[in-house]
Amino acid sequence: MTAESRERVRRYFDEFGDAEWHRLTGDVKGRVSLEVHRRFLARFVKPGHRVLEIGAGPGRFTVELAALGATAVVTDLSPVQLALNAEHLRGTAAESAVERREVLDICDTGRYADGEFDAVLAYGGPLSYAFEQAEDALRGLLRVTRPGGVVVGSVMSLIGIWRHYLPQITEEAEVIGEDANDRILHTGDLRLKGEQEGHICRMFRSGELSALIEAAGGRTVALSASNWASLSDPATLAVLEADEDRWARFLEHEVTACAEPGAVDGGTHLLFAAQRPG
């Protein structure tokens, strides 16, 4: 990540502020995404684990780590997000699970010892902001994970975002030009939009993500979309959510569907678990 890209990402999340706390609870689609992420995380983080949380934001998953019985070193590129993390956890049981908070660039984990953590959590797509340094960044995350431990994370999904946001992407192509839009759909690199302000990241296909994990020295042990059926009709989802039994059944089906090989590219995010060889 260049210094310019790093500053642009930091500024974006500083300005995004507390909206990040509400992103996964503000609508039914977000609440499903939160549940998919929670269940995926619970497969790999166990009581007593010491976790390095990358891109922790205001603390949605810091809370989940605490609920799983783990302790965490909580980090983020944005000082504003770290301050919000402390604010949201203050006075809660989850705060006792936080070892310390540090400003950290995912591309610079050299301060941590080899194998220092049982697991690394990198939700919110921090690898999508590493751009050309993504392989080195992931190699660093694997290095600080104990042998046999797992890096659990997410990246933005190219195919799923194109599917879900097709109307908006079509409108934007009229502004940036179809050639630029073609390059974005080939590479996933939103920097190709040009000098427009706003969100920039690299989106991935699942095959590219698996190749990245292998190149960084890891082994892909699980992939999942977030979301799948819940990216469709909000009105139908509201009906399901209003009925406790039907909602529980839907979530079970949704989590299963998200992990199907034919569906992993269909959500707005790709969840992954990458194991450091033992």
Protein backbone atom coordinates (compact mmCIF):
# COMPACT_ATOMS: atom_id res chain seq x y z
CA MET A 1 0.00 0.00 0.00
CA THR A 2 1.44 3.34 -0.97
CA ALA A 3 1.52 6.16 1.57
CA GLU A 4 -1.14 7.94 -0.51
CA SER A 5 -3.46 4.91 -0.52
CA ARG A 6 -2.88 4.34 3.20
CA GLU A 7 -3.80 7.93 3.99
CA ARG A 8 -6.89 7.77 1.80
CA VAL A 9 -8.10 4.59 3.54
CA ARG A 10 -7.36 6.01 7.00
CA ARG A 11 -9.21 9.23 6.15
CA TYR A 12 -12.20 7.28 4.82
CA PHE A 13 -12.63 5.31 8.06
CA ASP A 14 -11.92 8.31 10.26
CA GLU A 15 -14.76 10.13 8.49
CA PHE A 16 -17.01 7.03 8.42
CA GLY A 17 -16.86 7.12 12.19
CA ASP A 18 -19.60 5.47 14.20
CA ALA A 19 -21.53 4.46 11.08
CA GLU A 20 -19.26 1.40 11.07
CA TRP A 21 -20.75 0.31 14.42
CA HIS A 22 -24.27 0.37 12.93
CA ARG A 23 -23.37 -1.11 9.53
CA LEU A 24 -24.15 -4.70 10.56
CA THR A 25 -27.29 -3.99 12.57
CA GLY A 26 -29.02 -1.17 10.71
CA ASP A 27 -30.96 -3.39 8.30
CA VAL A 28 -31.93 -7.03 7.93
CA LYS A 29 -29.21 -7.73 5.36
CA GLY A 30 -26.58 -6.45 7.80
CA ARG A 31 -27.98 -8.53 10.65
CA VAL A 32 -27.72 -11.66 8.52
CA SER A 33 -24.15 -10.74 7.60
CA LEU A 34 -23.30 -10.33 11.28
CA GLU A 35 -24.66 -13.80 12.01
CA VAL A 36 -22.75 -15.36 9.11
CA HIS A 37 -19.53 -13.74 10.34
CA ARG A 38 -20.19 -14.78 13.97
CA ARG A 39 -20.77 -18.42 13.13
CA PHE A 40 -17.76 -18.58 10.84
CA LEU A 41 -15.53 -17.07 13.54
CA ALA A 42 -16.79 -19.48 16.20
CA ARG A 43 -15.49 -22.42 14.16
CA PHE A 44 -11.89 -21.32 14.68
CA VAL A 45 -11.57 -19.20 17.86
CA LYS A 46 -11.84 -21.09 21.14
CA PRO A 47 -11.81 -20.19 24.86
CA GLY A 48 -8.35 -19.17 26.01
CA HIS A 49 -7.12 -18.15 22.56
CA ARG A 50 -5.03 -15.00 22.27
CA VAL A 51 -6.03 -13.17 19.09
CA LEU A 52 -4.60 -10.30 17.08
CA GLU A 53 -7.56 -8.34 15.70
CA ILE A 54 -6.72 -6.38 12.55
CA GLY A 55 -9.05 -3.61 11.38
CA ALA A 56 -11.14 -3.99 14.52
CA GLY A 57 -13.18 -0.85 13.91
CA PRO A 58 -15.62 0.16 16.66
CA GLY A 59 -15.74 -3.30 18.17
CA ARG A 60 -18.52 -5.48 16.76
CA PHE A 61 -16.18 -8.46 16.56
CA THR A 62 -14.07 -7.50 19.55
CA VAL A 63 -17.27 -8.19 21.48
CA GLU A 64 -17.63 -11.54 19.72
CA LEU A 65 -14.04 -12.52 20.54
CA ALA A 66 -14.74 -11.82 24.20
CA ALA A 67 -17.96 -13.86 24.06
CA LEU A 68 -15.95 -16.78 22.68
CA GLY A 69 -13.61 -16.62 25.67
CA ALA A 70 -10.63 -15.18 23.79
CA THR A 71 -8.41 -12.22 24.63
CA ALA A 72 -7.32 -9.74 21.99
CA VAL A 73 -4.75 -7.18 20.96
CA VAL A 74 -7.08 -4.76 19.14
CA THR A 75 -5.71 -2.78 16.18
CA ASP A 76 -6.91 -0.51 13.41
CA LEU A 77 -5.38 1.88 10.88
CA SER A 78 -7.86 4.56 11.98
CA PRO A 79 -7.31 6.25 15.38
CA VAL A 80 -10.96 7.33 15.27
CA GLN A 81 -12.13 3.73 14.96
CA LEU A 82 -9.86 2.66 17.84
CA ALA A 83 -11.29 5.41 20.04
CA LEU A 84 -14.81 4.24 19.16
CA ASN A 85 -13.80 0.68 20.01
CA ALA A 86 -12.82 1.81 23.50
CA GLU A 87 -16.00 3.88 23.82
CA HIS A 88 -18.35 1.05 22.84
CA LEU A 89 -16.67 -1.52 25.08
CA ARG A 90 -16.22 0.74 28.11
CA GLY A 91 -18.13 -0.62 31.09
CA THR A 92 -18.95 -3.93 29.40
CA ALA A 93 -17.69 -7.41 30.18
CA ALA A 94 -15.96 -7.46 26.79
CA GLU A 95 -13.49 -4.74 27.81
CA SER A 96 -11.70 -7.15 30.15
CA ALA A 97 -10.81 -9.29 27.13
CA VAL A 98 -8.87 -6.43 25.48
CA GLU A 99 -5.15 -6.64 26.20
CA ARG A 100 -4.37 -3.30 24.55
CA ARG A 101 -5.26 -1.15 21.53
CA GLU A 102 -2.76 -0.06 18.87
CA VAL A 103 -2.81 1.85 15.60
CA LEU A 104 -1.59 -0.66 13.02
CA ASP A 105 -1.19 -0.95 9.27
CA ILE A 106 -1.92 -4.53 8.15
CA CYS A 107 1.21 -4.32 5.98
CA ASP A 108 3.46 -3.77 9.02
CA THR A 109 3.12 -6.50 11.67
CA GLY A 110 6.85 -6.67 12.38
CA ARG A 111 6.37 -5.55 16.00
CA TYR A 112 4.85 -8.95 16.86
CA ALA A 113 6.83 -12.14 17.50
CA ASP A 114 6.69 -15.23 15.32
CA GLY A 115 3.79 -17.44 16.44
CA GLU A 116 2.74 -14.96 19.14
CA PHE A 117 -1.02 -15.44 18.64
CA ASP A 118 -3.30 -18.46 18.54
CA ALA A 119 -5.31 -16.80 15.77
CA VAL A 120 -5.61 -13.58 13.80
CA LEU A 121 -8.95 -11.95 12.99
CA ALA A 122 -9.07 -9.66 9.96
CA TYR A 123 -12.77 -8.99 9.32
CA GLY A 124 -13.97 -5.88 7.54
CA GLY A 125 -11.76 -6.52 4.53
CA PRO A 126 -8.37 -5.10 5.64
CA LEU A 127 -6.54 -7.25 3.06
CA SER A 128 -8.63 -5.53 0.39
CA TYR A 129 -6.86 -2.28 1.29
CA ALA A 130 -3.33 -3.71 1.03
CA PHE A 131 -3.44 -3.76 -2.80
CA GLU A 132 -0.04 -4.86 -4.20
CA GLN A 133 1.19 -5.70 -0.69
CA ALA A 134 -1.65 -8.13 0.06
CA GLU A 135 0.56 -11.22 -0.24
CA ASP A 136 3.23 -9.80 2.07
CA ALA A 137 0.53 -8.60 4.48
CA LEU A 138 -1.07 -12.05 4.68
CA ARG A 139 2.34 -13.68 5.03
CA GLY A 140 2.90 -11.40 8.03
CA LEU A 141 -0.43 -12.42 9.57
CA LEU A 142 0.42 -16.09 9.14
CA ARG A 143 3.87 -15.52 10.65
CA VAL A 144 2.49 -14.13 13.90
CA THR A 145 -0.01 -17.01 14.14
CA ARG A 146 1.21 -20.17 15.90
CA PRO A 147 1.85 -23.23 13.71
CA GLY A 148 -1.49 -24.86 13.07
CA GLY A 149 -3.30 -21.63 13.95
CA VAL A 150 -5.69 -19.83 11.64
CA VAL A 151 -6.09 -16.37 10.13
CA VAL A 152 -9.82 -15.67 9.87
CA GLY A 153 -10.69 -12.77 7.63
CA SER A 154 -12.72 -11.29 4.84
CA VAL A 155 -12.16 -9.47 1.57
CA MET A 156 -14.57 -7.66 -0.73
CA SER A 157 -16.11 -9.97 -3.32
CA LEU A 158 -15.83 -8.82 -6.94
CA ILE A 159 -18.53 -11.02 -8.46
CA GLY A 160 -20.96 -10.60 -5.58
CA ILE A 161 -20.60 -6.83 -5.44
CA TRP A 162 -21.09 -6.58 -9.20
CA ARG A 163 -24.24 -8.72 -8.93
CA HIS A 164 -25.72 -6.91 -5.94
CA TYR A 165 -24.84 -3.34 -6.92
CA LEU A 166 -25.32 -3.65 -10.70
CA PRO A 167 -27.62 -0.58 -11.00
CA GLN A 168 -25.17 1.66 -9.12
CA ILE A 169 -22.16 0.26 -10.98
CA THR A 170 -23.89 0.81 -14.33
CA GLU A 171 -24.57 4.44 -13.41
CA GLU A 172 -21.00 4.96 -12.24
CA ALA A 173 -19.66 3.51 -15.50
CA GLU A 174 -21.34 6.42 -17.30
CA VAL A 175 -19.15 8.76 -15.24
CA ILE A 176 -15.79 6.95 -15.26
CA GLY A 177 -16.21 5.41 -18.73
CA GLU A 178 -16.81 1.85 -19.85
CA ASP A 179 -13.11 1.16 -20.41
CA ALA A 180 -12.33 2.01 -16.77
CA ASN A 181 -15.31 -0.07 -15.66
CA ASP A 182 -14.02 -3.03 -17.70
CA ARG A 183 -10.61 -2.76 -16.04
CA ILE A 184 -12.21 -2.67 -12.60
CA LEU A 185 -14.24 -5.79 -13.38
CA HIS A 186 -11.10 -7.56 -14.59
CA THR A 187 -8.83 -6.55 -11.71
CA GLY A 188 -11.15 -5.65 -8.83
CA ASP A 189 -9.08 -2.49 -8.23
CA LEU A 190 -11.31 0.48 -7.39
CA ARG A 191 -8.37 2.86 -7.64
CA LEU A 192 -9.06 2.69 -11.38
CA LYS A 193 -12.07 4.95 -10.80
CA GLY A 194 -9.54 7.77 -10.83
CA GLU A 195 -9.41 10.74 -8.52
CA GLN A 196 -12.96 10.45 -7.21
CA GLU A 197 -13.17 10.59 -3.44
CA GLY A 198 -14.79 7.79 -1.49
CA HIS A 199 -14.23 4.13 -0.89
CA ILE A 200 -11.28 2.42 -2.58
CA CYS A 201 -10.27 -1.22 -2.19
CA ARG A 202 -9.41 -4.32 -4.17
CA MET A 203 -12.18 -6.84 -4.69
CA PHE A 204 -11.37 -10.55 -5.13
CA ARG A 205 -12.70 -13.64 -6.84
CA SER A 206 -12.57 -16.76 -4.65
CA GLY A 207 -9.93 -18.35 -6.87
CA GLU A 208 -7.73 -15.27 -6.53
CA LEU A 209 -8.15 -15.35 -2.76
CA SER A 210 -7.19 -19.03 -2.55
CA ALA A 211 -4.14 -18.38 -4.75
CA LEU A 212 -3.16 -15.46 -2.50
CA ILE A 213 -3.37 -17.67 0.61
CA GLU A 214 -1.22 -20.34 -1.02
CA ALA A 215 1.35 -17.78 -2.24
CA ALA A 216 1.61 -16.38 1.30
CA GLY A 217 2.41 -19.83 2.65
CA GLY A 218 -0.99 -20.72 4.08
CA ARG A 219 -3.63 -23.36 3.44
CA THR A 220 -7.25 -22.51 2.74
CA VAL A 221 -9.41 -24.44 5.20
CA ALA A 222 -12.76 -22.68 4.65
CA LEU A 223 -14.46 -20.12 2.41
CA SER A 224 -17.89 -18.55 2.71
CA ALA A 225 -19.91 -15.81 1.09
CA SER A 226 -21.60 -13.09 3.06
CA ASN A 227 -24.47 -12.93 2.16
CA TRP A 228 -26.41 -15.08 -0.34
CA ALA A 229 -30.24 -15.30 -0.33
CA SER A 230 -30.36 -12.36 2.10
CA LEU A 231 -29.16 -10.00 -0.64
CA SER A 232 -32.58 -10.29 -2.27
CA ASP A 233 -36.04 -9.05 -1.28
CA PRO A 234 -35.87 -7.04 2.01
CA ALA A 235 -39.64 -7.27 2.49
CA THR A 236 -39.56 -11.06 2.48
CA LEU A 237 -36.63 -11.04 4.88
CA ALA A 238 -38.59 -8.79 7.25
CA VAL A 239 -41.45 -11.30 7.28
CA LEU A 240 -39.04 -14.11 8.13
CA GLU A 241 -37.25 -12.09 10.81
CA ALA A 242 -40.54 -11.34 12.54
CA ASP A 243 -41.12 -15.05 13.18
CA GLU A 244 -38.51 -16.48 15.57
CA ASP A 245 -38.79 -20.07 14.33
CA ARG A 246 -38.80 -19.19 10.64
CA TRP A 247 -35.86 -16.81 11.16
CA ALA A 248 -33.77 -19.47 12.91
CA ARG A 249 -34.48 -21.88 10.08
CA PHE A 250 -33.63 -19.26 7.45
CA LEU A 251 -30.30 -18.45 9.11
CA GLU A 252 -29.34 -22.13 9.16
CA HIS A 253 -30.11 -22.41 5.44
CA GLU A 254 -28.34 -19.13 4.67
CA VAL A 255 -25.13 -20.07 6.47
CA THR A 256 -25.11 -23.43 4.68
CA ALA A 257 -25.76 -21.82 1.30
CA CYS A 258 -23.00 -19.24 1.79
CA ALA A 259 -20.44 -22.04 2.11
CA GLU A 260 -21.51 -23.87 -1.05
CA PRO A 261 -18.76 -23.85 -3.72
CA GLY A 262 -21.20 -22.38 -6.23
CA ALA A 263 -22.20 -19.57 -3.88
CA VAL A 264 -18.99 -18.34 -2.27
CA ASP A 265 -18.49 -15.67 -4.95
CA GLY A 266 -22.09 -14.48 -4.67
CA GLY A 267 -21.96 -12.30 -1.55
CA THR A 268 -20.60 -8.82 -0.99
CA HIS A 269 -17.74 -10.29 1.08
CA LEU A 270 -15.66 -13.46 0.95
CA LEU A 271 -14.88 -14.96 4.36
CA PHE A 272 -11.81 -17.16 4.64
CA ALA A 273 -9.84 -19.22 7.12
CA ALA A 274 -6.15 -19.64 6.23
CA GLN A 275 -4.10 -22.03 8.32
CA ARG A 276 -0.41 -21.68 9.07
CA PRO A 277 1.14 -25.10 8.42
CA GLY A 278 2.02 -26.95 11.64
